[in-house]
Amino acid sequence: MLRLILAAILLPLLLLGDNFRLYLTDGTWHQVSEYKLEEDRVRYYSIERSDWEEIPASLVDLKKTESERHVVFETAKKAAAADDAEEKFEREQARILSLIPMNPGVYYLDAEKVLTLKPAESKIVTSKKRAVLKAMAPLPLVAGKATIELDGEHSAFVVRDNRPTFWFRLSTSERFGILRCRPKKDVRIVEKWNILPITNEVASDRETLEIFRQQVGNELYKIWPQEPLTPGEYAVIQFAEGERGIQLWDFRVEKPEESPAAKPSEKPAAK
């Protein structure tokens, strides 16, 4: 009866795979690479003796053997699936990297199309005489307040993803991130400056967002916000700590339903 049950469950089949334990009913085991059930005997390949051997099936704990074999098989199957997924991910990453231009800048991938964010032209506006100065130029500042501003209330580059991913190839090894811009009449406020008296040191006040960053190449980073962005104005920023000069690449986040036919970086067509 036992032979019939075992035969019905396992069939006379050859089990192949990594080395495993063939358990006996007395609690001992043989290290084997293969085995098969042949009527009332179990034929196995012994790793220790590098040869085929036989043993009565009644002395073999096939249930325990198969239970462990199942665990080992499932573990190996999951590991193989994980390796396959990792390999596919790496191939996809390599494919995407091949699309990103070598020139320094910020890029957005829209399906198979790479869109380039244009560097924004920022300006410094002092609070006293509203004097406008180029942000990257040497600044003859005096004590007081100033703002870094971008012309226009809205960016021309539009994305309809509340967690957009950007590919950022740095020109120099500096700090970078994503910040929120505050719209004001005809402009967007990037940050506010408090210019200290005597030293003319600048204390900047900007709304920087928490982001994930992953280096994927030489001075090439993949960046995206940790939390979903609400519709509004934003910019990727690059800067050196303690320096006044900054570089900006502005963009606007809109909901997909606001203009479903439009593509990133395009404004809805005028009716």
C-alpha atoms as a PDB file:
ATOM      1  CA  MET A   1       0.000   0.000   0.000  1.00  0.00           C
ATOM      2  CA  LEU A   2       2.796   2.407   0.926  1.00  0.00           C
ATOM      3  CA  ARG A   3       4.494   1.702  -2.404  1.00  0.00           C
ATOM      4  CA  LEU A   4       1.270   2.456  -4.289  1.00  0.00           C
ATOM      5  CA  ILE A   5       0.699   5.719  -2.423  1.00  0.00           C
ATOM      6  CA  LEU A   6       4.287   6.867  -2.965  1.00  0.00           C
ATOM      7  CA  ALA A   7       4.153   5.873  -6.594  1.00  0.00           C
ATOM      8  CA  ALA A   8       0.888   7.746  -7.081  1.00  0.00           C
ATOM      9  CA  ILE A   9       2.300  10.873  -5.455  1.00  0.00           C
ATOM     10  CA  LEU A  10       5.780  10.944  -6.929  1.00  0.00           C
ATOM     11  CA  LEU A  11       5.558   8.668  -9.980  1.00  0.00           C
ATOM     12  CA  PRO A  12       8.732   6.987 -11.173  1.00  0.00           C
ATOM     13  CA  LEU A  13      10.376  10.242 -12.100  1.00  0.00           C
ATOM     14  CA  LEU A  14      13.849  11.637 -12.136  1.00  0.00           C
ATOM     15  CA  LEU A  15      14.428  14.656  -9.929  1.00  0.00           C
ATOM     16  CA  LEU A  16      17.254  16.910 -11.017  1.00  0.00           C
ATOM     17  CA  GLY A  17      18.737  20.019  -9.488  1.00  0.00           C
ATOM     18  CA  ASP A  18      21.217  21.185  -6.864  1.00  0.00           C
ATOM     19  CA  ASN A  19      22.547  18.816  -4.239  1.00  0.00           C
ATOM     20  CA  PHE A  20      20.057  18.003  -1.521  1.00  0.00           C
ATOM     21  CA  ARG A  21      19.433  15.595   1.346  1.00  0.00           C
ATOM     22  CA  LEU A  22      17.730  12.253   0.877  1.00  0.00           C
ATOM     23  CA  TYR A  23      16.331  11.562   4.357  1.00  0.00           C
ATOM     24  CA  LEU A  24      16.051   8.080   5.836  1.00  0.00           C
ATOM     25  CA  THR A  25      13.449   6.926   8.325  1.00  0.00           C
ATOM     26  CA  ASP A  26      16.094   6.571  11.075  1.00  0.00           C
ATOM     27  CA  GLY A  27      16.848  10.304  10.908  1.00  0.00           C
ATOM     28  CA  THR A  28      20.078  10.069   8.915  1.00  0.00           C
ATOM     29  CA  TRP A  29      20.466  11.283   5.361  1.00  0.00           C
ATOM     30  CA  HIS A  30      22.544  11.017   2.198  1.00  0.00           C
ATOM     31  CA  GLN A  31      23.736  14.001   0.221  1.00  0.00           C
ATOM     32  CA  VAL A  32      22.540  13.397  -3.324  1.00  0.00           C
ATOM     33  CA  SER A  33      22.158  15.223  -6.605  1.00  0.00           C
ATOM     34  CA  GLU A  34      19.389  13.062  -8.108  1.00  0.00           C
ATOM     35  CA  TYR A  35      17.045  10.261  -7.184  1.00  0.00           C
ATOM     36  CA  LYS A  36      14.152   8.305  -8.647  1.00  0.00           C
ATOM     37  CA  LEU A  37      11.629   5.881  -7.264  1.00  0.00           C
ATOM     38  CA  GLU A  38      11.705   2.479  -8.960  1.00  0.00           C
ATOM     39  CA  GLU A  39       8.957   0.189  -7.649  1.00  0.00           C
ATOM     40  CA  ASP A  40      10.009  -0.648  -4.061  1.00  0.00           C
ATOM     41  CA  ARG A  41      13.489   0.866  -4.257  1.00  0.00           C
ATOM     42  CA  VAL A  42      14.971   4.344  -4.410  1.00  0.00           C
ATOM     43  CA  ARG A  43      17.890   4.857  -6.734  1.00  0.00           C
ATOM     44  CA  TYR A  44      20.061   7.917  -5.999  1.00  0.00           C
ATOM     45  CA  TYR A  45      23.368   9.466  -7.003  1.00  0.00           C
ATOM     46  CA  SER A  46      25.607   9.821  -3.936  1.00  0.00           C
ATOM     47  CA  ILE A  47      27.677  12.989  -3.766  1.00  0.00           C
ATOM     48  CA  GLU A  48      29.977  11.409  -1.185  1.00  0.00           C
ATOM     49  CA  ARG A  49      30.837   8.368  -3.289  1.00  0.00           C
ATOM     50  CA  SER A  50      30.205   9.815  -6.765  1.00  0.00           C
ATOM     51  CA  ASP A  51      28.203   6.808  -7.831  1.00  0.00           C
ATOM     52  CA  TRP A  52      24.642   5.494  -8.178  1.00  0.00           C
ATOM     53  CA  GLU A  53      23.283   3.514  -5.209  1.00  0.00           C
ATOM     54  CA  GLU A  54      20.005   1.876  -4.252  1.00  0.00           C
ATOM     55  CA  ILE A  55      18.077   1.529  -1.013  1.00  0.00           C
ATOM     56  CA  PRO A  56      14.684   0.022  -0.121  1.00  0.00           C
ATOM     57  CA  ALA A  57      11.944   2.627  -0.414  1.00  0.00           C
ATOM     58  CA  SER A  58      10.653   1.653   3.042  1.00  0.00           C
ATOM     59  CA  LEU A  59      13.875   3.037   4.561  1.00  0.00           C
ATOM     60  CA  VAL A  60      13.531   6.438   2.856  1.00  0.00           C
ATOM     61  CA  ASP A  61      11.537   9.320   4.327  1.00  0.00           C
ATOM     62  CA  LEU A  62      10.303  10.649   1.011  1.00  0.00           C
ATOM     63  CA  LYS A  63       7.815  13.029   2.616  1.00  0.00           C
ATOM     64  CA  LYS A  64      10.540  14.856   4.540  1.00  0.00           C
ATOM     65  CA  THR A  65      12.861  14.723   1.548  1.00  0.00           C
ATOM     66  CA  GLU A  66      10.270  16.222  -0.780  1.00  0.00           C
ATOM     67  CA  SER A  67       9.195  18.808   1.799  1.00  0.00           C
ATOM     68  CA  GLU A  68      12.730  20.129   2.068  1.00  0.00           C
ATOM     69  CA  ARG A  69      13.235  19.834  -1.668  1.00  0.00           C
ATOM     70  CA  HIS A  70      10.124  21.957  -2.170  1.00  0.00           C
ATOM     71  CA  VAL A  71      11.456  24.656   0.166  1.00  0.00           C
ATOM     72  CA  VAL A  72      14.829  24.635  -1.576  1.00  0.00           C
ATOM     73  CA  PHE A  73      13.143  24.712  -4.988  1.00  0.00           C
ATOM     74  CA  GLU A  74      10.856  27.625  -4.064  1.00  0.00           C
ATOM     75  CA  THR A  75      13.787  29.536  -2.554  1.00  0.00           C
ATOM     76  CA  ALA A  76      15.845  29.000  -5.695  1.00  0.00           C
ATOM     77  CA  LYS A  77      12.839  29.935  -7.843  1.00  0.00           C
ATOM     78  CA  LYS A  78      12.364  33.210  -5.963  1.00  0.00           C
ATOM     79  CA  ALA A  79      16.085  33.968  -6.151  1.00  0.00           C
ATOM     80  CA  ALA A  80      16.054  33.304  -9.902  1.00  0.00           C
ATOM     81  CA  ALA A  81      12.994  35.545 -10.322  1.00  0.00           C
ATOM     82  CA  ALA A  82      14.692  38.286  -8.308  1.00  0.00           C
ATOM     83  CA  ASP A  83      17.851  37.962 -10.408  1.00  0.00           C
ATOM     84  CA  ASP A  84      15.769  38.086 -13.582  1.00  0.00           C
ATOM     85  CA  ALA A  85      13.904  41.180 -12.383  1.00  0.00           C
ATOM     86  CA  GLU A  86      17.182  42.852 -11.428  1.00  0.00           C
ATOM     87  CA  GLU A  87      18.685  42.022 -14.799  1.00  0.00           C
ATOM     88  CA  LYS A  88      15.640  43.439 -16.592  1.00  0.00           C
ATOM     89  CA  PHE A  89      15.801  46.572 -14.442  1.00  0.00           C
ATOM     90  CA  GLU A  90      19.508  47.029 -15.192  1.00  0.00           C
ATOM     91  CA  ARG A  91      18.872  46.571 -18.924  1.00  0.00           C
ATOM     92  CA  GLU A  92      16.073  49.141 -18.794  1.00  0.00           C
ATOM     93  CA  GLN A  93      18.286  51.553 -16.848  1.00  0.00           C
ATOM     94  CA  ALA A  94      21.080  51.101 -19.381  1.00  0.00           C
ATOM     95  CA  ARG A  95      18.615  51.750 -22.208  1.00  0.00           C
ATOM     96  CA  ILE A  96      17.378  54.937 -20.544  1.00  0.00           C
ATOM     97  CA  LEU A  97      20.925  56.111 -19.828  1.00  0.00           C
ATOM     98  CA  SER A  98      21.746  55.706 -23.494  1.00  0.00           C
ATOM     99  CA  LEU A  99      18.992  58.234 -24.262  1.00  0.00           C
ATOM    100  CA  ILE A 100      20.261  60.936 -21.885  1.00  0.00           C
ATOM    101  CA  PRO A 101      22.523  63.480 -23.654  1.00  0.00           C
ATOM    102  CA  MET A 102      26.106  63.854 -22.468  1.00  0.00           C
ATOM    103  CA  ASN A 103      25.747  67.631 -22.132  1.00  0.00           C
ATOM    104  CA  PRO A 104      25.209  68.987 -18.601  1.00  0.00           C
ATOM    105  CA  GLY A 105      21.595  69.829 -17.900  1.00  0.00           C
ATOM    106  CA  VAL A 106      18.231  68.567 -16.660  1.00  0.00           C
ATOM    107  CA  TYR A 107      16.214  66.093 -18.726  1.00  0.00           C
ATOM    108  CA  TYR A 108      12.716  64.631 -18.501  1.00  0.00           C
ATOM    109  CA  LEU A 109      11.801  61.338 -20.147  1.00  0.00           C
ATOM    110  CA  ASP A 110       8.370  61.333 -21.787  1.00  0.00           C
ATOM    111  CA  ALA A 111       7.895  57.736 -22.974  1.00  0.00           C
ATOM    112  CA  GLU A 112      10.734  57.310 -25.494  1.00  0.00           C
ATOM    113  CA  LYS A 113      11.255  61.039 -25.966  1.00  0.00           C
ATOM    114  CA  VAL A 114      13.840  62.966 -23.964  1.00  0.00           C
ATOM    115  CA  LEU A 115      12.793  66.545 -23.215  1.00  0.00           C
ATOM    116  CA  THR A 116      15.373  69.118 -22.185  1.00  0.00           C
ATOM    117  CA  LEU A 117      14.580  71.709 -19.540  1.00  0.00           C
ATOM    118  CA  LYS A 118      15.953  75.115 -20.503  1.00  0.00           C
ATOM    119  CA  PRO A 119      18.100  76.913 -17.924  1.00  0.00           C
ATOM    120  CA  ALA A 120      16.016  79.651 -16.336  1.00  0.00           C
ATOM    121  CA  GLU A 121      17.194  83.261 -16.338  1.00  0.00           C
ATOM    122  CA  SER A 122      16.869  84.431 -12.766  1.00  0.00           C
ATOM    123  CA  LYS A 123      17.303  87.959 -11.478  1.00  0.00           C
ATOM    124  CA  ILE A 124      17.923  89.623  -8.155  1.00  0.00           C
ATOM    125  CA  VAL A 125      15.500  92.300  -7.078  1.00  0.00           C
ATOM    126  CA  THR A 126      16.459  94.450  -4.097  1.00  0.00           C
ATOM    127  CA  SER A 127      13.769  95.623  -1.750  1.00  0.00           C
ATOM    128  CA  LYS A 128      14.955  99.229  -1.544  1.00  0.00           C
ATOM    129  CA  LYS A 129      15.023 100.512  -5.104  1.00  0.00           C
ATOM    130  CA  ARG A 130      13.830  97.364  -6.821  1.00  0.00           C
ATOM    131  CA  ALA A 131      17.093  97.347  -8.700  1.00  0.00           C
ATOM    132  CA  VAL A 132      17.356  94.335 -10.987  1.00  0.00           C
ATOM    133  CA  LEU A 133      20.699  92.475 -11.154  1.00  0.00           C
ATOM    134  CA  LYS A 134      21.699  89.275 -12.929  1.00  0.00           C
ATOM    135  CA  ALA A 135      21.862  86.448 -10.403  1.00  0.00           C
ATOM    136  CA  MET A 136      25.184  85.052 -11.628  1.00  0.00           C
ATOM    137  CA  ALA A 137      27.017  88.397 -11.828  1.00  0.00           C
ATOM    138  CA  PRO A 138      29.242  89.849  -9.055  1.00  0.00           C
ATOM    139  CA  LEU A 139      26.875  91.567  -6.667  1.00  0.00           C
ATOM    140  CA  PRO A 140      27.597  94.974  -5.073  1.00  0.00           C
ATOM    141  CA  LEU A 141      24.983  94.278  -2.422  1.00  0.00           C
ATOM    142  CA  VAL A 142      24.146  96.452   0.529  1.00  0.00           C
ATOM    143  CA  ALA A 143      22.428  95.452   3.740  1.00  0.00           C
ATOM    144  CA  GLY A 144      18.738  94.779   3.364  1.00  0.00           C
ATOM    145  CA  LYS A 145      16.480  92.294   1.621  1.00  0.00           C
ATOM    146  CA  ALA A 146      16.306  90.916  -1.896  1.00  0.00           C
ATOM    147  CA  THR A 147      14.538  88.198  -3.841  1.00  0.00           C
ATOM    148  CA  ILE A 148      15.609  85.826  -6.598  1.00  0.00           C
ATOM    149  CA  GLU A 149      12.879  85.914  -9.234  1.00  0.00           C
ATOM    150  CA  LEU A 150      11.912  84.330 -12.544  1.00  0.00           C
ATOM    151  CA  ASP A 151       9.902  86.268 -15.098  1.00  0.00           C
ATOM    152  CA  GLY A 152       6.332  85.128 -15.673  1.00  0.00           C
ATOM    153  CA  GLU A 153       3.861  83.559 -13.281  1.00  0.00           C
ATOM    154  CA  HIS A 154       4.079  80.144 -14.931  1.00  0.00           C
ATOM    155  CA  SER A 155       6.825  77.966 -16.359  1.00  0.00           C
ATOM    156  CA  ALA A 156       6.615  76.989 -20.027  1.00  0.00           C
ATOM    157  CA  PHE A 157       7.695  73.421 -19.201  1.00  0.00           C
ATOM    158  CA  VAL A 158       4.680  71.464 -17.935  1.00  0.00           C
ATOM    159  CA  VAL A 159       4.568  67.939 -16.500  1.00  0.00           C
ATOM    160  CA  ARG A 160       1.436  66.055 -15.553  1.00  0.00           C
ATOM    161  CA  ASP A 161       2.996  63.727 -13.041  1.00  0.00           C
ATOM    162  CA  ASN A 162       2.907  64.632  -9.358  1.00  0.00           C
ATOM    163  CA  ARG A 163       6.146  62.734  -8.746  1.00  0.00           C
ATOM    164  CA  PRO A 164       8.192  63.593 -11.839  1.00  0.00           C
ATOM    165  CA  THR A 165      11.583  61.985 -12.359  1.00  0.00           C
ATOM    166  CA  PHE A 166      14.400  64.105 -13.756  1.00  0.00           C
ATOM    167  CA  TRP A 167      17.803  63.105 -15.039  1.00  0.00           C
ATOM    168  CA  PHE A 168      20.366  65.672 -13.934  1.00  0.00           C
ATOM    169  CA  ARG A 169      23.853  65.740 -15.465  1.00  0.00           C
ATOM    170  CA  LEU A 170      25.945  68.136 -13.403  1.00  0.00           C
ATOM    171  CA  SER A 171      28.476  70.504 -14.885  1.00  0.00           C
ATOM    172  CA  THR A 172      30.429  70.580 -11.607  1.00  0.00           C
ATOM    173  CA  SER A 173      30.182  68.698  -8.328  1.00  0.00           C
ATOM    174  CA  GLU A 174      27.771  70.960  -6.460  1.00  0.00           C
ATOM    175  CA  ARG A 175      24.684  70.580  -4.351  1.00  0.00           C
ATOM    176  CA  PHE A 176      21.308  70.297  -6.021  1.00  0.00           C
ATOM    177  CA  GLY A 177      17.632  69.712  -5.322  1.00  0.00           C
ATOM    178  CA  ILE A 178      14.073  70.669  -6.156  1.00  0.00           C
ATOM    179  CA  LEU A 179      12.402  73.759  -4.734  1.00  0.00           C
ATOM    180  CA  ARG A 180       8.966  75.327  -4.843  1.00  0.00           C
ATOM    181  CA  CYS A 181       8.534  78.734  -6.480  1.00  0.00           C
ATOM    182  CA  ARG A 182       5.959  81.212  -5.179  1.00  0.00           C
ATOM    183  CA  PRO A 183       3.983  83.001  -7.926  1.00  0.00           C
ATOM    184  CA  LYS A 184       3.606  86.732  -7.593  1.00  0.00           C
ATOM    185  CA  LYS A 185       2.278  89.248 -10.106  1.00  0.00           C
ATOM    186  CA  ASP A 186       4.173  88.582 -13.352  1.00  0.00           C
ATOM    187  CA  VAL A 187       7.015  86.720 -11.559  1.00  0.00           C
ATOM    188  CA  ARG A 188       7.877  83.647  -9.512  1.00  0.00           C
ATOM    189  CA  ILE A 189       9.820  84.008  -6.265  1.00  0.00           C
ATOM    190  CA  VAL A 190      12.604  81.436  -6.069  1.00  0.00           C
ATOM    191  CA  GLU A 191      14.096  82.497  -2.741  1.00  0.00           C
ATOM    192  CA  LYS A 192      14.440  85.437  -0.420  1.00  0.00           C
ATOM    193  CA  TRP A 193      17.715  86.957   0.770  1.00  0.00           C
ATOM    194  CA  ASN A 194      18.552  88.681   4.005  1.00  0.00           C
ATOM    195  CA  ILE A 195      21.758  90.651   3.395  1.00  0.00           C
ATOM    196  CA  LEU A 196      23.609  91.167   6.652  1.00  0.00           C
ATOM    197  CA  PRO A 197      25.115  94.594   7.405  1.00  0.00           C
ATOM    198  CA  ILE A 198      28.898  95.173   7.355  1.00  0.00           C
ATOM    199  CA  THR A 199      29.773  91.645   6.141  1.00  0.00           C
ATOM    200  CA  ASN A 200      27.220  91.620   3.297  1.00  0.00           C
ATOM    201  CA  GLU A 201      26.757  87.927   3.968  1.00  0.00           C
ATOM    202  CA  VAL A 202      23.587  86.462   2.509  1.00  0.00           C
ATOM    203  CA  ALA A 203      21.149  84.280   4.434  1.00  0.00           C
ATOM    204  CA  SER A 204      18.920  82.623   1.847  1.00  0.00           C
ATOM    205  CA  ASP A 205      15.389  81.412   2.487  1.00  0.00           C
ATOM    206  CA  ARG A 206      14.158  78.847  -0.057  1.00  0.00           C
ATOM    207  CA  GLU A 207      11.509  76.121   0.098  1.00  0.00           C
ATOM    208  CA  THR A 208      13.554  73.047  -0.742  1.00  0.00           C
ATOM    209  CA  LEU A 209      11.711  69.748  -1.061  1.00  0.00           C
ATOM    210  CA  GLU A 210      12.789  66.337   0.176  1.00  0.00           C
ATOM    211  CA  ILE A 211      13.921  64.246  -2.782  1.00  0.00           C
ATOM    212  CA  PHE A 212      15.324  60.852  -3.619  1.00  0.00           C
ATOM    213  CA  ARG A 213      18.585  60.927  -5.550  1.00  0.00           C
ATOM    214  CA  GLN A 214      20.404  58.070  -7.235  1.00  0.00           C
ATOM    215  CA  GLN A 215      23.753  58.405  -8.967  1.00  0.00           C
ATOM    216  CA  VAL A 216      23.560  56.431 -12.202  1.00  0.00           C
ATOM    217  CA  GLY A 217      26.671  57.648 -14.002  1.00  0.00           C
ATOM    218  CA  ASN A 218      29.560  60.081 -13.955  1.00  0.00           C
ATOM    219  CA  GLU A 219      27.968  63.284 -12.558  1.00  0.00           C
ATOM    220  CA  LEU A 220      24.584  61.929 -13.681  1.00  0.00           C
ATOM    221  CA  TYR A 221      21.783  61.646 -11.132  1.00  0.00           C
ATOM    222  CA  LYS A 222      18.207  60.459 -11.175  1.00  0.00           C
ATOM    223  CA  ILE A 223      16.106  62.656  -8.868  1.00  0.00           C
ATOM    224  CA  TRP A 224      12.434  62.643  -7.871  1.00  0.00           C
ATOM    225  CA  PRO A 225      10.379  64.053  -4.965  1.00  0.00           C
ATOM    226  CA  GLN A 226       9.717  61.902  -1.927  1.00  0.00           C
ATOM    227  CA  GLU A 227       6.137  63.142  -1.677  1.00  0.00           C
ATOM    228  CA  PRO A 228       3.639  63.929  -4.456  1.00  0.00           C
ATOM    229  CA  LEU A 229       3.806  67.525  -5.652  1.00  0.00           C
ATOM    230  CA  THR A 230       0.727  69.687  -5.601  1.00  0.00           C
ATOM    231  CA  PRO A 231      -0.026  71.592  -8.820  1.00  0.00           C
ATOM    232  CA  GLY A 232       2.192  74.656  -9.000  1.00  0.00           C
ATOM    233  CA  GLU A 233       5.576  76.109  -9.883  1.00  0.00           C
ATOM    234  CA  TYR A 234       8.888  74.382  -9.148  1.00  0.00           C
ATOM    235  CA  ALA A 235      12.532  74.383 -10.196  1.00  0.00           C
ATOM    236  CA  VAL A 236      15.556  72.126 -10.113  1.00  0.00           C
ATOM    237  CA  ILE A 237      18.386  74.054  -8.449  1.00  0.00           C
ATOM    238  CA  GLN A 238      22.170  73.640  -8.493  1.00  0.00           C
ATOM    239  CA  PHE A 239      24.333  75.661  -6.132  1.00  0.00           C
ATOM    240  CA  ALA A 240      27.574  75.760  -4.180  1.00  0.00           C
ATOM    241  CA  GLU A 241      27.234  76.014  -0.418  1.00  0.00           C
ATOM    242  CA  GLY A 242      28.005  79.544   0.762  1.00  0.00           C
ATOM    243  CA  GLU A 243      28.001  80.975  -2.765  1.00  0.00           C
ATOM    244  CA  ARG A 244      25.424  83.444  -4.108  1.00  0.00           C
ATOM    245  CA  GLY A 245      25.259  82.116  -7.646  1.00  0.00           C
ATOM    246  CA  ILE A 246      22.652  79.480  -8.446  1.00  0.00           C
ATOM    247  CA  GLN A 247      21.451  77.680 -11.563  1.00  0.00           C
ATOM    248  CA  LEU A 248      17.766  76.930 -12.134  1.00  0.00           C
ATOM    249  CA  TRP A 249      15.636  74.784 -14.450  1.00  0.00           C
ATOM    250  CA  ASP A 250      11.963  75.635 -13.911  1.00  0.00           C
ATOM    251  CA  PHE A 251       8.861  73.503 -14.486  1.00  0.00           C
ATOM    252  CA  ARG A 252       5.170  73.477 -13.662  1.00  0.00           C
ATOM    253  CA  VAL A 253       3.121  70.550 -12.319  1.00  0.00           C
ATOM    254  CA  GLU A 254      -0.461  70.266 -13.562  1.00  0.00           C
ATOM    255  CA  LYS A 255      -3.128  67.636 -13.070  1.00  0.00           C
ATOM    256  CA  PRO A 256      -3.655  65.326 -16.072  1.00  0.00           C
ATOM    257  CA  GLU A 257      -7.306  66.273 -16.328  1.00  0.00           C
ATOM    258  CA  GLU A 258      -6.498  69.983 -16.680  1.00  0.00           C
ATOM    259  CA  SER A 259      -5.387  69.494 -20.286  1.00  0.00           C
ATOM    260  CA  PRO A 260      -5.338  65.788 -21.197  1.00  0.00           C
ATOM    261  CA  ALA A 261      -4.370  66.279 -24.838  1.00  0.00           C
ATOM    262  CA  ALA A 262      -1.289  68.357 -24.067  1.00  0.00           C
ATOM    263  CA  LYS A 263       2.159  66.846 -23.736  1.00  0.00           C
ATOM    264  CA  PRO A 264       4.897  67.767 -21.222  1.00  0.00           C
ATOM    265  CA  SER A 265       6.507  71.136 -21.962  1.00  0.00           C
ATOM    266  CA  GLU A 266       3.528  72.161 -24.117  1.00  0.00           C
ATOM    267  CA  LYS A 267       0.747  74.578 -23.225  1.00  0.00           C
ATOM    268  CA  PRO A 268      -2.837  73.672 -24.204  1.00  0.00           C
ATOM    269  CA  ALA A 269      -3.671  74.989 -27.643  1.00  0.00           C
ATOM    270  CA  ALA A 270      -5.622  78.242 -27.637  1.00  0.00           C
ATOM    271  CA  LYS A 271      -9.230  77.927 -28.699  1.00  0.00           C
END
